């Protein structure tokens, strides 16, 4: 019988290893590319959402600023403050005084700077400012500043948490990685089953048959139930077996004749 081969050097282990390495490389590329495009897409979507919120608040708060309706302004903020991505919303009048905010009057110092609104070119085509490198209380945000009635009545300021994008990316990549892992495991199992049935078992059978032939057993079965190159190998071993058997019979016949 053929000696047992180490599992680490077996064909099945090597193919499984190749599939695993290929899957790791493939999944790494997929995750990097997906992460890059997701970040761009989700960031653009988040900023667009922030601009829509800021514009809506600006439209709703214009009349209330004129009427100095504090309750109405708070109601406007209550309508939008609980969006998942919103970190803060503040409304500033034309004198840069905060007339409504989502901090209940405890507005962080980072948002009290009136110079944040002086950068608007209200005489030009500038409609808003998006600051992507901003932080409030050490929380990174996308800071959107939107003028109310071209700045004549004040400004709306909306902060969107950057972590919202990161959380969405992590969730998406987790599911992508999970799908790839399951697919890789299934591919390895299927590949091992196919290799076992179509390659490993026939090869072991032919190797054992060849060893039996070498010991003089010409009654060994050579046939394999596969339709691939191993069937050709089995046929070649069968012809070799018949040739050896015929040659040995001739030698025996000559030996017997020589004795007489």
Protein backbone atom coordinates (compact mmCIF):
# COMPACT_ATOMS: atom_id res chain seq x y z
CA UNK A 1 0.00 0.00 0.00
CA UNK A 2 1.08 3.56 -0.63
CA UNK A 3 2.62 5.30 2.37
CA UNK A 4 0.52 8.00 4.01
CA UNK A 5 1.42 11.46 2.79
CA UNK A 6 1.68 14.43 5.14
CA UNK A 7 -1.45 16.58 5.03
CA UNK A 8 0.72 19.71 4.72
CA UNK A 9 2.23 18.51 1.45
CA UNK A 10 -0.96 17.06 0.01
CA UNK A 11 -2.56 18.45 -3.12
CA UNK A 12 -5.80 19.17 -1.28
CA UNK A 13 -4.07 21.29 1.35
CA UNK A 14 -2.08 23.22 -1.26
CA UNK A 15 -5.14 23.99 -3.37
CA UNK A 16 -7.11 25.05 -0.28
CA UNK A 17 -4.20 27.29 0.70
CA UNK A 18 -4.04 28.82 -2.78
CA UNK A 19 -7.78 29.51 -2.72
CA UNK A 20 -7.49 31.07 0.74
CA UNK A 21 -4.55 33.30 -0.24
CA UNK A 22 -6.33 34.33 -3.44
CA UNK A 23 -9.48 35.14 -1.48
CA UNK A 24 -7.53 37.23 1.04
CA UNK A 25 -5.84 39.22 -1.73
CA UNK A 26 -9.12 39.62 -3.62
CA UNK A 27 -11.08 40.64 -0.52
CA UNK A 28 -8.39 43.14 0.49
CA UNK A 29 -8.57 44.84 -2.90
CA UNK A 30 -12.38 44.79 -2.85
CA UNK A 31 -12.52 46.25 0.66
CA UNK A 32 -10.01 49.01 -0.13
CA UNK A 33 -11.75 50.02 -3.36
CA UNK A 34 -15.20 49.77 -1.75
CA UNK A 35 -14.07 51.79 1.27
CA UNK A 36 -12.68 54.54 -0.96
CA UNK A 37 -15.81 54.84 -3.10
CA UNK A 38 -18.15 54.46 -0.14
CA UNK A 39 -16.41 57.27 1.71
CA UNK A 40 -16.73 59.59 -1.26
CA UNK A 41 -20.33 58.62 -1.99
CA UNK A 42 -21.54 58.71 1.61
CA UNK A 43 -19.70 61.97 2.32
CA UNK A 44 -21.28 63.64 -0.72
CA UNK A 45 -24.68 62.25 0.29
CA UNK A 46 -24.26 63.43 3.88
CA UNK A 47 -23.20 66.93 2.85
CA UNK A 48 -26.09 67.12 0.40
CA UNK A 49 -28.46 66.11 3.19
CA UNK A 50 -26.93 68.77 5.42
CA UNK A 51 -27.39 71.44 2.76
CA UNK A 52 -31.04 70.46 2.29
CA UNK A 53 -31.61 70.63 6.06
CA UNK A 54 -29.84 73.99 6.31
CA UNK A 55 -31.80 75.43 3.38
CA UNK A 56 -35.09 74.17 4.82
CA UNK A 57 -34.32 75.64 8.24
CA UNK A 58 -33.35 78.91 6.58
CA UNK A 59 -36.68 79.11 4.76
CA UNK A 60 -38.72 78.20 7.84
CA UNK A 61 -36.85 80.49 10.23
CA UNK A 62 -36.78 83.67 8.10
CA UNK A 63 -40.22 84.92 9.10
CA UNK A 64 -39.72 83.87 12.72
CA UNK A 65 -36.46 85.84 12.95
CA UNK A 66 -38.27 88.93 11.70
CA UNK A 67 -41.02 88.38 14.25
CA UNK A 68 -38.48 87.46 16.95
CA UNK A 69 -40.47 84.30 17.55
CA UNK A 70 -38.17 82.28 19.82
CA UNK A 71 -40.69 79.50 20.35
CA UNK A 72 -41.19 79.16 16.60
CA UNK A 73 -37.42 78.98 16.02
CA UNK A 74 -37.07 76.25 18.64
CA UNK A 75 -39.88 74.33 17.01
CA UNK A 76 -38.05 74.53 13.70
CA UNK A 77 -34.90 73.09 15.28
CA UNK A 78 -36.86 70.34 17.04
CA UNK A 79 -38.08 69.18 13.65
CA UNK A 80 -34.53 68.54 12.41
CA UNK A 81 -32.35 68.00 15.47
CA UNK A 82 -32.89 64.25 15.71
CA UNK A 83 -31.51 63.35 12.30
CA UNK A 84 -28.99 60.54 12.88
CA UNK A 85 -26.08 62.50 11.48
CA UNK A 86 -26.77 65.89 13.09
CA UNK A 87 -24.34 66.98 15.79
CA UNK A 88 -25.71 70.50 16.15
CA UNK A 89 -27.89 73.15 14.54
CA UNK A 90 -27.71 76.83 15.40
CA UNK A 91 -29.45 79.89 13.99
CA UNK A 92 -27.62 83.20 14.04
CA UNK A 93 -29.25 86.59 13.30
CA UNK A 94 -27.72 89.33 11.15
CA UNK A 95 -25.87 90.70 14.21
CA UNK A 96 -24.24 87.27 14.73
CA UNK A 97 -26.26 86.62 17.88
CA UNK A 98 -27.41 83.03 18.40
CA UNK A 99 -31.20 83.05 18.49
CA UNK A 100 -31.77 79.27 18.57
CA UNK A 101 -29.60 76.21 19.04
CA UNK A 102 -29.70 72.52 19.89
CA UNK A 103 -27.38 72.96 22.88
CA UNK A 104 -30.06 74.52 25.12
CA UNK A 105 -28.02 77.70 25.35
CA UNK A 106 -24.72 75.93 26.14
CA UNK A 107 -23.13 76.54 22.75
CA UNK A 108 -19.45 75.44 22.57
CA UNK A 109 -16.86 78.18 22.12
CA UNK A 110 -15.92 76.79 18.70
CA UNK A 111 -19.32 77.89 17.37
CA UNK A 112 -19.38 81.37 18.90
CA UNK A 113 -16.87 82.86 16.47
CA UNK A 114 -18.69 85.40 14.27
CA UNK A 115 -15.79 85.36 11.78
CA UNK A 116 -17.15 82.04 10.52
CA UNK A 117 -19.82 84.03 8.65
CA UNK A 118 -17.66 86.90 7.45
CA UNK A 119 -16.12 84.69 4.77
CA UNK A 120 -19.34 84.72 2.74
CA UNK A 121 -19.23 86.56 -0.56
CA UNK A 122 -22.88 87.59 -0.44
CA UNK A 123 -22.47 89.80 -3.48
CA UNK A 124 -21.24 86.90 -5.58
CA UNK A 125 -22.59 83.47 -6.36
CA UNK A 126 -21.62 81.81 -3.08
CA UNK A 127 -24.63 80.19 -1.45
CA UNK A 128 -23.07 78.25 1.38
CA UNK A 129 -19.80 77.12 3.01
CA UNK A 130 -18.86 73.52 3.80
CA UNK A 131 -15.90 73.05 6.14
CA UNK A 132 -14.74 69.42 6.06
CA UNK A 133 -11.89 69.96 8.54
CA UNK A 134 -13.72 71.04 11.65
CA UNK A 135 -14.31 69.73 15.16
CA UNK A 136 -16.60 70.70 18.03
CA UNK A 137 -15.80 69.32 21.48
CA UNK A 138 -13.26 67.06 19.77
CA UNK A 139 -16.01 65.61 17.55
CA UNK A 140 -15.04 65.81 13.85
CA UNK A 141 -17.88 67.30 11.81
CA UNK A 142 -18.76 68.60 8.40
CA UNK A 143 -19.72 72.19 9.19
CA UNK A 144 -22.28 73.75 6.82
CA UNK A 145 -23.13 77.46 6.97
CA UNK A 146 -26.15 78.64 5.03
CA UNK A 147 -27.26 82.29 4.73
CA UNK A 148 -30.86 83.23 5.46
CA UNK A 149 -32.17 85.58 2.78
CA UNK A 150 -28.63 86.08 1.43
CA UNK A 151 -27.39 86.83 4.95
CA UNK A 152 -29.71 89.76 5.50
CA UNK A 153 -31.52 87.91 8.28
CA UNK A 154 -28.67 85.74 9.50
CA UNK A 155 -27.27 82.27 9.01
CA UNK A 156 -28.01 78.63 9.70
CA UNK A 157 -25.17 76.40 10.85
CA UNK A 158 -25.45 72.62 10.70
CA UNK A 159 -22.83 70.18 11.96
CA UNK A 160 -22.85 66.63 10.62
CA UNK A 161 -20.89 63.96 12.45
CA UNK A 162 -18.13 62.42 10.38
CA UNK A 163 -18.47 59.27 12.48
CA UNK A 164 -21.83 58.68 10.82
CA UNK A 165 -20.04 58.03 7.52
CA UNK A 166 -17.40 55.89 9.23
CA UNK A 167 -20.10 53.80 10.94
CA UNK A 168 -21.90 53.24 7.64
CA UNK A 169 -18.64 52.24 5.96
CA UNK A 170 -17.73 49.84 8.78
CA UNK A 171 -21.16 48.22 8.67
CA UNK A 172 -21.03 47.83 4.88
CA UNK A 173 -17.49 46.46 4.92
CA UNK A 174 -18.40 44.04 7.70
CA UNK A 175 -21.15 42.50 5.59
CA UNK A 176 -18.93 42.46 2.49
CA UNK A 177 -16.19 40.72 4.47
CA UNK A 178 -18.71 38.25 5.91
CA UNK A 179 -20.02 37.39 2.43
CA UNK A 180 -16.48 36.94 1.10
CA UNK A 181 -15.54 34.74 4.08
CA UNK A 182 -18.60 32.53 3.62
CA UNK A 183 -17.98 32.35 -0.14
CA UNK A 184 -14.33 31.45 0.39
CA UNK A 185 -15.19 28.72 2.91
CA UNK A 186 -17.83 27.29 0.55
CA UNK A 187 -15.38 27.43 -2.40
CA UNK A 188 -12.72 25.58 -0.39
CA UNK A 189 -15.18 22.88 0.67
CA UNK A 190 -16.46 22.38 -2.88
CA UNK A 191 -12.92 22.39 -4.30
CA UNK A 192 -11.79 19.78 -1.74
CA UNK A 193 -14.76 17.56 -2.53
CA UNK A 194 -14.11 17.77 -6.26
CA UNK A 195 -10.38 17.15 -5.83
CA UNK A 196 -11.03 14.18 -3.52
CA UNK A 197 -13.45 12.52 -5.93
CA UNK A 198 -11.82 13.44 -9.22
CA UNK A 199 -8.11 13.42 -8.33
CA UNK A 200 -7.02 12.21 -4.90
CA UNK A 201 -8.90 8.90 -4.74
CA UNK A 202 -8.08 7.89 -8.34
CA UNK A 203 -4.39 8.79 -7.87
CA UNK A 204 -4.18 6.73 -4.65
CA UNK A 205 -5.94 3.85 -6.39
CA UNK A 206 -3.54 3.96 -9.37
CA UNK A 207 -0.50 4.29 -7.11
CA UNK A 208 -1.56 1.25 -5.09
CA UNK A 209 -2.29 -0.66 -8.30
CA UNK A 210 1.15 0.19 -9.68
CA UNK A 211 2.73 -1.02 -6.47
CA UNK A 212 0.80 -4.32 -6.67
CA UNK A 213 1.93 -4.77 -10.26
CA UNK A 214 5.53 -4.22 -9.20
CA UNK A 215 5.09 -7.09 -6.74
CA UNK A 216 3.81 -9.39 -9.50
CA UNK A 217 0.09 -9.11 -8.90
CA UNK A 218 -1.40 -8.77 -12.39
CA UNK A 219 -4.97 -9.33 -11.29
CA UNK A 220 -5.27 -5.90 -9.69
CA UNK A 221 -8.08 -3.66 -10.98
CA UNK A 222 -6.79 -0.58 -12.80
CA UNK A 223 -10.08 1.03 -13.82
CA UNK A 224 -11.03 4.46 -12.37
CA UNK A 225 -14.50 5.99 -12.51
CA UNK A 226 -13.47 9.46 -13.65
CA UNK A 227 -13.53 11.14 -17.02
CA UNK A 228 -10.36 13.19 -17.09
CA UNK A 229 -6.63 12.75 -17.74
CA UNK A 230 -6.42 10.12 -14.99
CA UNK A 231 -8.51 7.82 -17.16
CA UNK A 232 -5.74 8.02 -19.78
CA UNK A 233 -3.18 7.24 -17.09
CA UNK A 234 -5.21 4.23 -15.95
CA UNK A 235 -5.35 2.95 -19.54
CA UNK A 236 -1.57 3.38 -19.86
CA UNK A 237 -0.99 1.46 -16.61
CA UNK A 238 -3.36 -1.26 -17.85
CA UNK A 239 -1.31 -1.62 -21.08
CA UNK A 240 1.88 -1.68 -19.05
CA UNK A 241 0.42 -4.40 -16.83
CA UNK A 242 -0.50 -6.54 -19.84
CA UNK A 243 2.92 -6.00 -21.41
CA UNK A 244 4.68 -7.02 -18.19
CA UNK A 245 2.44 -10.05 -17.78
CA UNK A 246 3.08 -11.14 -21.38
CA UNK A 247 6.82 -10.60 -21.03
CA UNK A 248 6.97 -12.60 -17.81
CA UNK A 249 4.98 -15.46 -19.38
CA UNK A 250 7.40 -15.55 -22.33
CA UNK A 251 10.37 -15.64 -19.97
CA UNK A 252 8.82 -18.49 -18.05
CA UNK A 253 8.14 -20.39 -21.28
CA UNK A 254 11.71 -19.93 -22.50
CA UNK A 255 13.06 -20.96 -19.12
CA UNK A 256 10.96 -24.12 -19.18
CA UNK A 257 12.08 -25.02 -22.73
CA UNK A 258 15.70 -24.39 -21.86
CA UNK A 259 15.58 -26.96 -19.10
CA UNK A 260 14.68 -29.68 -21.60
